[in-house]
């Protein structure tokens, strides 16, 4: 295994190994593997930058740090250990900066590598694992399972998305059910269709049970 890949793995494991919000090492590894799968299916020969970006994509995430500045300093510290060219560092930072959903306030994608990593990250937010991660994250933030008195939020600022009152079920409508149509690659779109359909079935069953139906 490439030395930089192994070092990045070890750094990310040490940072996220105790995470209970759905952004743990196993999430990172799934996104890495799915990024590589999509890259191969999309005909990308050099997957090095894609793999490193996938491994490091949650390191600067402001959900996991007290400030965005701390997260980016941590990312820069890791990148400086990887013996990369300045161009490769810039590519990785640009990819990572374009991945996060941020209430729909995401950045414009400028490369196929960014599209692949973002598709992989969003695919891990939907389907069976996406459902499990939604409730893990909601629980870690003290959100209710479902609160019918709340409304589905639309056109949120990043601050509103991060800190406004919501529930885990509302999160499906505020984010998860929108992700299928945000896929950038043909491979991502194919995978998203099945996972989206699975979530729709879950929500139908959830509301049947919530409303006391047999």
N, C-alpha and C. Protein backbone atom coordinates (compact mmCIF):
# COMPACT_ATOMS: atom_id res chain seq x y z
N UNK A 1 0.85 -1.20 0.00
CA UNK A 1 0.00 0.00 0.00
C UNK A 1 0.88 1.25 0.00
N UNK A 2 0.47 2.28 -0.74
CA UNK A 2 1.21 3.53 -0.79
C UNK A 2 1.38 4.11 0.62
N UNK A 3 2.56 4.63 0.89
CA UNK A 3 2.86 5.14 2.23
C UNK A 3 1.92 6.27 2.65
N UNK A 4 1.61 7.18 1.70
CA UNK A 4 0.72 8.30 2.01
C UNK A 4 -0.68 7.81 2.35
N UNK A 5 -1.17 6.80 1.63
CA UNK A 5 -2.49 6.24 1.90
C UNK A 5 -2.52 5.63 3.30
N UNK A 6 -1.49 4.86 3.64
CA UNK A 6 -1.43 4.22 4.95
C UNK A 6 -1.35 5.26 6.07
N UNK A 7 -0.56 6.29 5.86
CA UNK A 7 -0.44 7.33 6.88
C UNK A 7 -1.77 8.05 7.06
N UNK A 8 -2.44 8.36 5.94
CA UNK A 8 -3.75 9.04 6.01
C UNK A 8 -4.76 8.16 6.75
N UNK A 9 -4.76 6.87 6.45
CA UNK A 9 -5.65 5.93 7.15
C UNK A 9 -5.44 6.01 8.66
N UNK A 10 -4.19 5.91 9.07
CA UNK A 10 -3.88 5.90 10.50
C UNK A 10 -4.28 7.21 11.18
N UNK A 11 -4.05 8.33 10.51
CA UNK A 11 -4.41 9.62 11.08
C UNK A 11 -5.92 9.74 11.26
N UNK A 12 -6.66 9.34 10.23
CA UNK A 12 -8.12 9.46 10.29
C UNK A 12 -8.70 8.51 11.33
N UNK A 13 -8.17 7.31 11.42
CA UNK A 13 -8.63 6.37 12.45
C UNK A 13 -8.44 6.96 13.84
N UNK A 14 -7.31 7.60 14.08
CA UNK A 14 -7.03 8.14 15.41
C UNK A 14 -7.97 9.31 15.74
N UNK A 15 -8.41 10.04 14.72
CA UNK A 15 -9.29 11.19 14.93
C UNK A 15 -10.74 10.76 15.13
N UNK A 16 -11.18 9.78 14.36
CA UNK A 16 -12.61 9.45 14.31
C UNK A 16 -12.99 8.12 14.93
N UNK A 17 -12.04 7.41 15.53
CA UNK A 17 -12.32 6.05 16.00
C UNK A 17 -13.42 6.00 17.07
N UNK A 18 -13.61 7.08 17.84
CA UNK A 18 -14.63 7.08 18.90
C UNK A 18 -15.87 7.87 18.52
N UNK A 19 -15.97 8.28 17.28
CA UNK A 19 -17.14 9.05 16.86
C UNK A 19 -18.40 8.19 16.93
N UNK A 20 -19.49 8.79 17.43
CA UNK A 20 -20.77 8.07 17.53
C UNK A 20 -21.87 8.78 16.76
N UNK A 21 -21.48 9.69 15.86
CA UNK A 21 -22.47 10.47 15.12
C UNK A 21 -22.70 9.97 13.70
N UNK A 22 -22.05 8.84 13.35
CA UNK A 22 -22.18 8.34 11.98
C UNK A 22 -21.05 8.79 11.08
N UNK A 23 -20.05 9.47 11.66
CA UNK A 23 -18.90 9.95 10.88
C UNK A 23 -17.62 9.27 11.36
N UNK A 24 -17.74 7.99 11.69
CA UNK A 24 -16.62 7.25 12.21
C UNK A 24 -15.72 6.71 11.09
N UNK A 25 -14.70 5.94 11.49
CA UNK A 25 -13.76 5.38 10.51
C UNK A 25 -14.47 4.51 9.49
N UNK A 26 -15.48 3.77 9.91
CA UNK A 26 -16.16 2.87 8.98
C UNK A 26 -16.90 3.64 7.88
N UNK A 27 -17.44 4.82 8.23
CA UNK A 27 -18.02 5.69 7.20
C UNK A 27 -16.95 6.11 6.21
N UNK A 28 -15.80 6.53 6.72
CA UNK A 28 -14.69 6.95 5.86
C UNK A 28 -14.29 5.82 4.92
N UNK A 29 -14.15 4.63 5.45
CA UNK A 29 -13.71 3.49 4.64
C UNK A 29 -14.76 3.14 3.58
N UNK A 30 -16.04 3.23 3.93
CA UNK A 30 -17.07 2.98 2.91
C UNK A 30 -17.02 4.02 1.80
N UNK A 31 -16.84 5.27 2.17
CA UNK A 31 -16.76 6.33 1.16
C UNK A 31 -15.53 6.14 0.29
N UNK A 32 -14.42 5.75 0.89
CA UNK A 32 -13.20 5.48 0.13
C UNK A 32 -13.45 4.36 -0.89
N UNK A 33 -14.02 3.25 -0.43
CA UNK A 33 -14.25 2.11 -1.32
C UNK A 33 -15.26 2.42 -2.41
N UNK A 34 -16.29 3.17 -2.07
CA UNK A 34 -17.30 3.54 -3.06
C UNK A 34 -16.73 4.54 -4.06
N UNK A 35 -15.88 5.45 -3.60
CA UNK A 35 -15.22 6.40 -4.50
C UNK A 35 -14.36 5.66 -5.52
N UNK A 36 -13.62 4.66 -5.06
CA UNK A 36 -12.79 3.87 -5.97
C UNK A 36 -13.64 3.09 -6.96
N UNK A 37 -14.76 2.53 -6.47
CA UNK A 37 -15.68 1.81 -7.35
C UNK A 37 -16.24 2.73 -8.43
N UNK A 38 -16.72 3.89 -8.03
CA UNK A 38 -17.29 4.84 -8.99
C UNK A 38 -16.21 5.30 -9.97
N UNK A 39 -15.02 5.59 -9.45
CA UNK A 39 -13.94 6.04 -10.31
C UNK A 39 -13.61 5.03 -11.39
N UNK A 40 -13.53 3.76 -11.01
CA UNK A 40 -13.24 2.72 -12.00
C UNK A 40 -14.37 2.61 -13.03
N UNK A 41 -15.61 2.64 -12.55
CA UNK A 41 -16.76 2.53 -13.45
C UNK A 41 -16.85 3.72 -14.40
N UNK A 42 -16.37 4.88 -13.95
CA UNK A 42 -16.39 6.09 -14.77
C UNK A 42 -15.15 6.23 -15.63
N UNK A 43 -14.26 5.23 -15.59
CA UNK A 43 -13.10 5.21 -16.49
C UNK A 43 -11.92 6.04 -16.04
N UNK A 44 -11.80 6.30 -14.74
CA UNK A 44 -10.67 7.06 -14.22
C UNK A 44 -9.50 6.12 -13.98
N UNK A 45 -8.37 6.41 -14.56
CA UNK A 45 -7.19 5.54 -14.43
C UNK A 45 -6.41 5.81 -13.15
N UNK A 46 -6.18 7.09 -12.83
CA UNK A 46 -5.40 7.45 -11.65
C UNK A 46 -6.35 7.79 -10.51
N UNK A 47 -6.43 6.90 -9.52
CA UNK A 47 -7.38 7.06 -8.42
C UNK A 47 -6.72 7.56 -7.14
N UNK A 48 -5.46 7.95 -7.22
CA UNK A 48 -4.69 8.33 -6.03
C UNK A 48 -5.30 9.53 -5.30
N UNK A 49 -5.56 10.61 -6.03
CA UNK A 49 -6.12 11.81 -5.42
C UNK A 49 -7.53 11.54 -4.91
N UNK A 50 -8.29 10.75 -5.64
CA UNK A 50 -9.64 10.39 -5.22
C UNK A 50 -9.59 9.65 -3.88
N UNK A 51 -8.69 8.67 -3.77
CA UNK A 51 -8.62 7.88 -2.55
C UNK A 51 -8.20 8.73 -1.36
N UNK A 52 -7.19 9.56 -1.53
CA UNK A 52 -6.75 10.41 -0.43
C UNK A 52 -7.84 11.40 -0.03
N UNK A 53 -8.53 11.97 -1.00
CA UNK A 53 -9.60 12.93 -0.70
C UNK A 53 -10.73 12.26 0.06
N UNK A 54 -11.09 11.05 -0.35
CA UNK A 54 -12.14 10.31 0.34
C UNK A 54 -11.73 10.00 1.78
N UNK A 55 -10.49 9.58 1.97
CA UNK A 55 -10.01 9.27 3.31
C UNK A 55 -10.03 10.49 4.23
N UNK A 56 -9.75 11.65 3.68
CA UNK A 56 -9.60 12.86 4.50
C UNK A 56 -10.82 13.77 4.48
N UNK A 57 -11.90 13.36 3.81
CA UNK A 57 -12.97 14.32 3.52
C UNK A 57 -13.69 14.84 4.76
N UNK A 58 -13.71 14.09 5.86
CA UNK A 58 -14.39 14.57 7.06
C UNK A 58 -13.46 15.21 8.08
N UNK A 59 -12.17 15.22 7.81
CA UNK A 59 -11.21 15.77 8.78
C UNK A 59 -11.53 17.23 9.14
N UNK A 60 -11.82 18.11 8.15
CA UNK A 60 -12.09 19.51 8.51
C UNK A 60 -13.57 19.83 8.75
N UNK A 61 -14.44 18.82 8.72
CA UNK A 61 -15.88 19.08 8.79
C UNK A 61 -16.23 19.82 10.08
N UNK A 62 -16.93 20.95 9.96
CA UNK A 62 -17.23 21.76 11.14
C UNK A 62 -18.24 21.11 12.06
N UNK A 63 -18.89 20.02 11.63
CA UNK A 63 -19.75 19.27 12.55
C UNK A 63 -18.94 18.57 13.62
N UNK A 64 -17.67 18.32 13.34
CA UNK A 64 -16.84 17.49 14.21
C UNK A 64 -15.82 18.28 15.01
N UNK A 65 -15.82 19.61 14.85
CA UNK A 65 -14.86 20.46 15.55
C UNK A 65 -15.56 21.68 16.13
N UNK A 66 -14.90 22.33 17.05
CA UNK A 66 -15.49 23.53 17.65
C UNK A 66 -15.46 24.72 16.69
N UNK A 67 -14.62 24.64 15.66
CA UNK A 67 -14.60 25.70 14.65
C UNK A 67 -14.07 25.15 13.33
N UNK A 68 -14.44 25.82 12.24
CA UNK A 68 -13.97 25.43 10.92
C UNK A 68 -12.45 25.59 10.81
N UNK A 69 -11.92 26.62 11.47
CA UNK A 69 -10.48 26.90 11.41
C UNK A 69 -9.68 25.73 11.99
N UNK A 70 -10.14 25.18 13.11
CA UNK A 70 -9.45 24.05 13.73
C UNK A 70 -9.42 22.86 12.79
N UNK A 71 -10.55 22.58 12.14
CA UNK A 71 -10.63 21.45 11.22
C UNK A 71 -9.68 21.60 10.05
N UNK A 72 -9.59 22.79 9.49
CA UNK A 72 -8.72 22.99 8.34
C UNK A 72 -7.24 22.96 8.73
N UNK A 73 -6.93 23.42 9.91
CA UNK A 73 -5.54 23.33 10.38
C UNK A 73 -5.15 21.87 10.57
N UNK A 74 -6.08 21.06 11.04
CA UNK A 74 -5.82 19.63 11.21
C UNK A 74 -5.60 18.97 9.85
N UNK A 75 -6.43 19.32 8.87
CA UNK A 75 -6.26 18.78 7.51
C UNK A 75 -4.90 19.18 6.94
N UNK A 76 -4.53 20.43 7.07
CA UNK A 76 -3.24 20.90 6.56
C UNK A 76 -2.08 20.18 7.24
N UNK A 77 -2.22 19.93 8.53
CA UNK A 77 -1.17 19.23 9.27
C UNK A 77 -0.97 17.82 8.72
N UNK A 78 -2.08 17.14 8.42
CA UNK A 78 -1.97 15.78 7.86
C UNK A 78 -1.39 15.83 6.46
N UNK A 79 -1.88 16.73 5.63
CA UNK A 79 -1.39 16.83 4.25
C UNK A 79 0.11 17.10 4.21
N UNK A 80 0.59 17.88 5.16
CA UNK A 80 2.02 18.21 5.19
C UNK A 80 2.89 17.00 5.54
N UNK A 81 2.28 15.95 6.07
CA UNK A 81 3.03 14.73 6.39
C UNK A 81 3.07 13.73 5.23
N UNK A 82 2.33 14.01 4.17
CA UNK A 82 2.11 12.98 3.14
C UNK A 82 3.04 13.06 1.94
N UNK A 83 3.99 13.96 1.97
CA UNK A 83 4.97 14.06 0.88
C UNK A 83 4.28 14.26 -0.47
N UNK A 84 3.35 15.22 -0.51
CA UNK A 84 2.62 15.53 -1.73
C UNK A 84 3.15 16.81 -2.36
N UNK A 85 2.93 16.96 -3.66
CA UNK A 85 3.24 18.23 -4.31
C UNK A 85 2.21 19.27 -3.87
N UNK A 86 2.54 20.53 -4.02
CA UNK A 86 1.60 21.59 -3.67
C UNK A 86 0.35 21.51 -4.53
N UNK A 87 0.52 21.09 -5.79
CA UNK A 87 -0.63 20.95 -6.69
C UNK A 87 -1.58 19.87 -6.18
N UNK A 88 -1.04 18.73 -5.75
CA UNK A 88 -1.88 17.65 -5.23
C UNK A 88 -2.58 18.06 -3.94
N UNK A 89 -1.87 18.78 -3.08
CA UNK A 89 -2.50 19.28 -1.85
C UNK A 89 -3.69 20.19 -2.19
N UNK A 90 -3.49 21.07 -3.15
CA UNK A 90 -4.55 21.99 -3.54
C UNK A 90 -5.75 21.25 -4.12
N UNK A 91 -5.47 20.23 -4.92
CA UNK A 91 -6.56 19.42 -5.49
C UNK A 91 -7.38 18.76 -4.39
N UNK A 92 -6.70 18.19 -3.41
CA UNK A 92 -7.38 17.49 -2.32
C UNK A 92 -8.21 18.47 -1.50
N UNK A 93 -7.65 19.61 -1.18
CA UNK A 93 -8.38 20.61 -0.39
C UNK A 93 -9.62 21.09 -1.15
N UNK A 94 -9.48 21.32 -2.45
CA UNK A 94 -10.62 21.78 -3.26
C UNK A 94 -11.72 20.72 -3.32
N UNK A 95 -11.32 19.46 -3.44
CA UNK A 95 -12.30 18.37 -3.46
C UNK A 95 -13.03 18.30 -2.12
N UNK A 96 -12.28 18.32 -1.04
CA UNK A 96 -12.89 18.21 0.29
C UNK A 96 -13.82 19.39 0.57
N UNK A 97 -13.43 20.58 0.16
CA UNK A 97 -14.26 21.76 0.39
C UNK A 97 -15.57 21.72 -0.38
N UNK A 98 -15.65 20.87 -1.41
CA UNK A 98 -16.86 20.83 -2.24
C UNK A 98 -17.79 19.68 -1.89
N UNK A 99 -17.41 18.86 -0.91
CA UNK A 99 -18.17 17.64 -0.62
C UNK A 99 -19.40 17.91 0.24
N UNK A 100 -19.27 18.73 1.28
CA UNK A 100 -20.30 18.85 2.30
C UNK A 100 -21.61 19.44 1.77
N UNK A 101 -22.72 18.93 2.29
CA UNK A 101 -24.07 19.36 1.86
C UNK A 101 -24.40 20.77 2.36
N UNK A 102 -24.19 21.03 3.65
CA UNK A 102 -24.36 22.35 4.25
C UNK A 102 -25.73 22.95 3.98
N UNK A 103 -26.76 22.14 4.15
CA UNK A 103 -28.11 22.66 3.98
C UNK A 103 -28.45 23.02 2.55
N UNK A 104 -27.73 22.45 1.59
CA UNK A 104 -27.96 22.78 0.19
C UNK A 104 -27.12 23.94 -0.29
N UNK A 105 -26.23 24.44 0.59
CA UNK A 105 -25.37 25.59 0.23
C UNK A 105 -24.00 25.13 -0.23
N UNK A 106 -23.97 24.03 -0.99
CA UNK A 106 -22.69 23.46 -1.38
C UNK A 106 -22.02 24.25 -2.50
N UNK A 107 -20.71 24.01 -2.62
CA UNK A 107 -19.92 24.71 -3.64
C UNK A 107 -20.08 24.05 -5.01
N UNK A 108 -19.73 24.80 -6.04
CA UNK A 108 -19.75 24.27 -7.40
C UNK A 108 -18.59 23.30 -7.58
N UNK A 109 -18.87 22.16 -8.20
CA UNK A 109 -17.83 21.17 -8.42
C UNK A 109 -17.02 21.53 -9.67
N UNK A 110 -15.70 21.38 -9.57
CA UNK A 110 -14.84 21.81 -10.67
C UNK A 110 -14.04 20.67 -11.29
N UNK A 111 -14.22 19.43 -10.81
CA UNK A 111 -13.43 18.32 -11.35
C UNK A 111 -14.23 17.03 -11.24
N UNK A 112 -13.88 16.05 -12.07
CA UNK A 112 -14.52 14.75 -12.00
C UNK A 112 -14.19 14.07 -10.68
N UNK A 113 -12.99 14.31 -10.14
CA UNK A 113 -12.61 13.73 -8.86
C UNK A 113 -13.54 14.21 -7.75
N UNK A 114 -13.85 15.50 -7.76
CA UNK A 114 -14.76 16.05 -6.75
C UNK A 114 -16.16 15.47 -6.89
N UNK A 115 -16.61 15.30 -8.12
CA UNK A 115 -17.93 14.71 -8.35
C UNK A 115 -18.00 13.29 -7.82
N UNK A 116 -16.94 12.53 -8.03
CA UNK A 116 -16.91 11.13 -7.58
C UNK A 116 -16.93 11.04 -6.06
N UNK A 117 -16.09 11.82 -5.39
CA UNK A 117 -16.03 11.75 -3.93
C UNK A 117 -17.34 12.26 -3.32
N UNK A 118 -17.90 13.33 -3.89
CA UNK A 118 -19.17 13.83 -3.35
C UNK A 118 -20.29 12.82 -3.55
N UNK A 119 -20.35 12.18 -4.71
CA UNK A 119 -21.36 11.15 -4.93
C UNK A 119 -21.22 10.03 -3.91
N UNK A 120 -19.99 9.57 -3.68
CA UNK A 120 -19.77 8.47 -2.74
C UNK A 120 -20.18 8.86 -1.32
N UNK A 121 -19.84 10.07 -0.90
CA UNK A 121 -20.21 10.53 0.44
C UNK A 121 -21.72 10.63 0.58
N UNK A 122 -22.39 11.12 -0.44
CA UNK A 122 -23.85 11.26 -0.37
C UNK A 122 -24.56 9.91 -0.47
N UNK A 123 -23.98 8.98 -1.19
CA UNK A 123 -24.56 7.64 -1.24
C UNK A 123 -24.51 6.98 0.14
N UNK A 124 -23.51 7.27 0.93
CA UNK A 124 -23.44 6.69 2.27
C UNK A 124 -24.42 7.35 3.22
N UNK A 125 -25.07 8.42 2.78
CA UNK A 125 -26.08 9.11 3.59
C UNK A 125 -27.49 8.62 3.27
N UNK A 126 -27.63 7.73 2.29
CA UNK A 126 -28.96 7.24 1.93
C UNK A 126 -28.96 5.71 1.95
N UNK A 127 -30.14 5.12 1.78
CA UNK A 127 -30.25 3.67 1.87
C UNK A 127 -30.27 3.21 3.31
N UNK A 128 -30.04 1.92 3.54
CA UNK A 128 -30.11 1.34 4.88
C UNK A 128 -29.10 1.97 5.83
N UNK A 129 -27.86 2.11 5.38
CA UNK A 129 -26.84 2.70 6.24
C UNK A 129 -27.14 4.18 6.46
N UNK A 130 -27.63 4.86 5.46
CA UNK A 130 -28.01 6.26 5.61
C UNK A 130 -29.08 6.44 6.68
N UNK A 131 -30.05 5.54 6.71
CA UNK A 131 -31.09 5.58 7.73
C UNK A 131 -30.47 5.42 9.12
N UNK A 132 -29.62 4.41 9.26
CA UNK A 132 -28.97 4.17 10.56
C UNK A 132 -28.13 5.37 10.98
N UNK A 133 -27.40 5.96 10.06
CA UNK A 133 -26.56 7.11 10.38
C UNK A 133 -27.40 8.32 10.77
N UNK A 134 -28.56 8.48 10.15
CA UNK A 134 -29.43 9.61 10.47
C UNK A 134 -29.85 9.58 11.93
N UNK A 135 -30.24 8.41 12.41
CA UNK A 135 -30.68 8.33 13.80
C UNK A 135 -29.51 8.37 14.76
N UNK A 136 -28.35 7.86 14.36
CA UNK A 136 -27.15 7.98 15.19
C UNK A 136 -26.78 9.45 15.35
N UNK A 137 -26.80 10.21 14.25
CA UNK A 137 -26.44 11.63 14.31
C UNK A 137 -27.47 12.41 15.11
N UNK A 138 -28.75 12.14 14.86
CA UNK A 138 -29.78 12.86 15.59
C UNK A 138 -29.68 12.62 17.09
N UNK A 139 -29.42 11.37 17.47
CA UNK A 139 -29.26 11.06 18.88
C UNK A 139 -28.06 11.76 19.49
N UNK A 140 -26.97 11.83 18.74
CA UNK A 140 -25.75 12.49 19.26
C UNK A 140 -25.96 13.98 19.46
N UNK A 141 -26.94 14.56 18.75
CA UNK A 141 -27.23 15.99 18.85
C UNK A 141 -28.45 16.28 19.71
N UNK A 142 -29.01 15.24 20.33
CA UNK A 142 -30.16 15.44 21.19
C UNK A 142 -31.45 15.74 20.45
N UNK A 143 -31.52 15.38 19.18
CA UNK A 143 -32.73 15.62 18.40
C UNK A 143 -33.76 14.53 18.67
N UNK A 144 -35.03 14.88 18.54
CA UNK A 144 -36.09 13.89 18.72
C UNK A 144 -36.14 12.95 17.52
N UNK A 145 -36.69 11.77 17.75
CA UNK A 145 -36.91 10.82 16.66
C UNK A 145 -37.79 11.45 15.59
N UNK A 146 -38.91 11.99 16.04
CA UNK A 146 -39.85 12.68 15.14
C UNK A 146 -40.70 13.61 15.97
N UNK A 147 -40.89 14.82 15.48
CA UNK A 147 -41.76 15.79 16.15
C UNK A 147 -42.73 16.35 15.11
N UNK A 148 -43.98 15.87 15.11
CA UNK A 148 -44.93 16.31 14.08
C UNK A 148 -45.30 17.79 14.17
N UNK A 149 -44.93 18.45 15.25
CA UNK A 149 -45.23 19.87 15.38
C UNK A 149 -44.24 20.74 14.60
N UNK A 150 -43.11 20.16 14.21
CA UNK A 150 -42.13 20.90 13.43
C UNK A 150 -42.48 20.88 11.95
N UNK A 151 -42.01 21.87 11.22
CA UNK A 151 -42.18 21.93 9.77
C UNK A 151 -40.88 21.55 9.09
N UNK A 152 -40.98 21.06 7.88
CA UNK A 152 -39.78 20.78 7.09
C UNK A 152 -39.15 22.10 6.67
N UNK A 153 -37.87 22.26 6.98
CA UNK A 153 -37.18 23.52 6.67
C UNK A 153 -36.68 23.52 5.23
N UNK A 154 -36.79 24.68 4.58
CA UNK A 154 -36.31 24.82 3.20
C UNK A 154 -35.50 26.11 3.09
N UNK A 155 -34.61 26.14 2.10
CA UNK A 155 -33.80 27.35 1.82
C UNK A 155 -33.10 27.86 3.08
N UNK A 156 -32.41 26.94 3.76
CA UNK A 156 -31.73 27.28 5.00
C UNK A 156 -30.35 27.88 4.76
N UNK A 157 -29.93 28.74 5.69
CA UNK A 157 -28.52 29.13 5.74
C UNK A 157 -27.75 27.97 6.37
N UNK A 158 -26.43 28.01 6.28
CA UNK A 158 -25.61 26.97 6.90
C UNK A 158 -25.85 26.95 8.41
N UNK A 159 -25.95 28.13 9.02
CA UNK A 159 -26.20 28.23 10.46
C UNK A 159 -27.54 27.60 10.83
N UNK A 160 -28.57 27.88 10.06
CA UNK A 160 -29.89 27.30 10.32
C UNK A 160 -29.87 25.78 10.16
N UNK A 161 -29.17 25.31 9.14
CA UNK A 161 -29.08 23.87 8.90
C UNK A 161 -28.37 23.17 10.04
N UNK A 162 -27.30 23.78 10.54
CA UNK A 162 -26.50 23.15 11.59
C UNK A 162 -27.20 23.21 12.95
N UNK A 163 -27.86 24.34 13.25
CA UNK A 163 -28.29 24.57 14.62
C UNK A 163 -29.79 24.76 14.82
N UNK A 164 -30.56 24.80 13.75
CA UNK A 164 -32.00 24.96 13.88
C UNK A 164 -32.66 23.69 14.40
N UNK A 165 -33.86 23.85 14.99
CA UNK A 165 -34.55 22.69 15.56
C UNK A 165 -35.12 21.80 14.46
N UNK A 166 -34.89 20.52 14.59
CA UNK A 166 -35.39 19.56 13.61
C UNK A 166 -35.50 18.20 14.30
N UNK A 167 -35.90 17.17 13.55
CA UNK A 167 -35.93 15.80 14.07
C UNK A 167 -35.27 14.90 13.05
N UNK A 168 -35.00 13.67 13.45
CA UNK A 168 -34.35 12.74 12.53
C UNK A 168 -35.22 12.46 11.31
N UNK A 169 -36.52 12.32 11.50
CA UNK A 169 -37.41 12.09 10.36
C UNK A 169 -37.47 13.31 9.45
N UNK A 170 -37.47 14.49 10.03
CA UNK A 170 -37.47 15.71 9.19
C UNK A 170 -36.22 15.77 8.32
N UNK A 171 -35.12 15.20 8.84
CA UNK A 171 -33.86 15.24 8.09
C UNK A 171 -33.97 14.50 6.76
N UNK A 172 -34.83 13.49 6.69
CA UNK A 172 -35.05 12.81 5.41
C UNK A 172 -35.54 13.80 4.36
N UNK A 173 -36.48 14.65 4.75
CA UNK A 173 -37.09 15.59 3.79
C UNK A 173 -36.22 16.82 3.55
N UNK A 174 -35.41 17.16 4.55
CA UNK A 174 -34.55 18.33 4.41
C UNK A 174 -33.25 18.03 3.65
N UNK A 175 -32.86 16.75 3.63
CA UNK A 175 -31.62 16.39 2.94
C UNK A 175 -31.70 15.08 2.17
N UNK A 176 -31.95 13.98 2.87
CA UNK A 176 -31.71 12.65 2.29
C UNK A 176 -32.49 12.39 1.01
N UNK A 177 -33.75 12.79 0.98
CA UNK A 177 -34.57 12.52 -0.20
C UNK A 177 -34.21 13.43 -1.38
N UNK A 178 -33.39 14.43 -1.14
CA UNK A 178 -32.95 15.33 -2.22
C UNK A 178 -31.67 14.84 -2.89
N UNK A 179 -30.98 13.89 -2.25
CA UNK A 179 -29.64 13.54 -2.71
C UNK A 179 -29.63 12.76 -4.02
N UNK A 180 -30.66 11.96 -4.27
CA UNK A 180 -30.70 11.18 -5.52
C UNK A 180 -30.54 12.08 -6.74
N UNK A 181 -31.20 13.22 -6.73
CA UNK A 181 -31.17 14.11 -7.88
C UNK A 181 -29.93 15.00 -7.93
N UNK A 182 -29.06 14.87 -6.92
CA UNK A 182 -27.82 15.67 -6.91
C UNK A 182 -26.62 14.86 -7.37
N UNK A 183 -26.82 13.59 -7.73
CA UNK A 183 -25.71 12.77 -8.17
C UNK A 183 -25.09 13.33 -9.46
N UNK A 184 -23.78 13.25 -9.55
CA UNK A 184 -23.05 13.84 -10.68
C UNK A 184 -22.56 12.82 -11.70
N UNK A 185 -22.49 11.55 -11.30
CA UNK A 185 -21.97 10.52 -12.19
C UNK A 185 -23.06 9.51 -12.53
N UNK A 186 -22.92 8.85 -13.67
CA UNK A 186 -23.89 7.82 -14.04
C UNK A 186 -23.92 6.69 -13.02
N UNK A 187 -22.75 6.30 -12.54
CA UNK A 187 -22.67 5.24 -11.54
C UNK A 187 -23.37 5.65 -10.26
N UNK A 188 -23.14 6.87 -9.83
CA UNK A 188 -23.79 7.38 -8.62
C UNK A 188 -25.31 7.40 -8.76
N UNK A 189 -25.78 7.80 -9.92
CA UNK A 189 -27.23 7.85 -10.15
C UNK A 189 -27.85 6.45 -10.09
N UNK A 190 -27.15 5.46 -10.65
CA UNK A 190 -27.66 4.09 -10.64
C UNK A 190 -27.77 3.55 -9.20
N UNK A 191 -26.74 3.78 -8.40
CA UNK A 191 -26.76 3.30 -7.02
C UNK A 191 -27.80 4.05 -6.21
N UNK A 192 -27.92 5.35 -6.45
CA UNK A 192 -28.85 6.17 -5.67
C UNK A 192 -30.30 5.77 -5.86
N UNK A 193 -30.66 5.31 -7.04
CA UNK A 193 -32.05 4.94 -7.31
C UNK A 193 -32.53 3.87 -6.32
N UNK A 194 -31.76 2.82 -6.15
CA UNK A 194 -32.16 1.74 -5.26
C UNK A 194 -32.19 2.20 -3.80
N UNK A 195 -31.19 2.95 -3.39
CA UNK A 195 -31.13 3.40 -2.01
C UNK A 195 -32.25 4.38 -1.70
N UNK A 196 -32.58 5.24 -2.64
CA UNK A 196 -33.68 6.19 -2.48
C UNK A 196 -35.00 5.43 -2.30
N UNK A 197 -35.22 4.44 -3.13
CA UNK A 197 -36.44 3.64 -3.06
C UNK A 197 -36.55 2.95 -1.69
N UNK A 198 -35.45 2.47 -1.17
CA UNK A 198 -35.44 1.81 0.14
C UNK A 198 -35.88 2.80 1.22
N UNK A 199 -35.40 4.04 1.16
CA UNK A 199 -35.79 5.04 2.15
C UNK A 199 -37.27 5.36 2.07
N UNK A 200 -37.80 5.43 0.87
CA UNK A 200 -39.23 5.71 0.72
C UNK A 200 -40.05 4.62 1.38
N UNK A 201 -39.64 3.37 1.23
CA UNK A 201 -40.33 2.25 1.87
C UNK A 201 -40.24 2.33 3.38
N UNK A 202 -39.07 2.72 3.89
CA UNK A 202 -38.91 2.87 5.33
C UNK A 202 -39.84 3.94 5.88
N UNK A 203 -39.90 5.09 5.21
CA UNK A 203 -40.74 6.19 5.69
C UNK A 203 -42.22 5.80 5.66
N UNK A 204 -42.64 5.08 4.63
CA UNK A 204 -44.03 4.62 4.56
C UNK A 204 -44.35 3.73 5.76
N UNK A 205 -43.45 2.79 6.07
CA UNK A 205 -43.66 1.91 7.21
C UNK A 205 -43.61 2.69 8.52
N UNK A 206 -42.68 3.65 8.62
CA UNK A 206 -42.56 4.45 9.84
C UNK A 206 -43.87 5.16 10.15
N UNK A 207 -44.44 5.82 9.16
CA UNK A 207 -45.67 6.59 9.41
C UNK A 207 -46.88 5.68 9.61
N UNK A 208 -46.88 4.51 9.01
CA UNK A 208 -47.94 3.54 9.29
C UNK A 208 -47.92 3.17 10.78
N UNK A 209 -46.73 2.90 11.29
CA UNK A 209 -46.60 2.53 12.70
C UNK A 209 -46.85 3.72 13.62
N UNK A 210 -46.34 4.90 13.22
CA UNK A 210 -46.54 6.10 14.04
C UNK A 210 -48.02 6.42 14.21
N UNK A 211 -48.78 6.22 13.17
CA UNK A 211 -50.20 6.55 13.19
C UNK A 211 -51.09 5.39 13.67
N UNK A 212 -50.44 4.33 14.15
CA UNK A 212 -51.19 3.24 14.76
C UNK A 212 -51.84 2.29 13.78
N UNK A 213 -51.36 2.28 12.52
CA UNK A 213 -51.91 1.36 11.54
C UNK A 213 -51.27 -0.01 11.70
N UNK A 214 -51.99 -1.05 11.35
CA UNK A 214 -51.47 -2.42 11.43
C UNK A 214 -50.49 -2.68 10.31
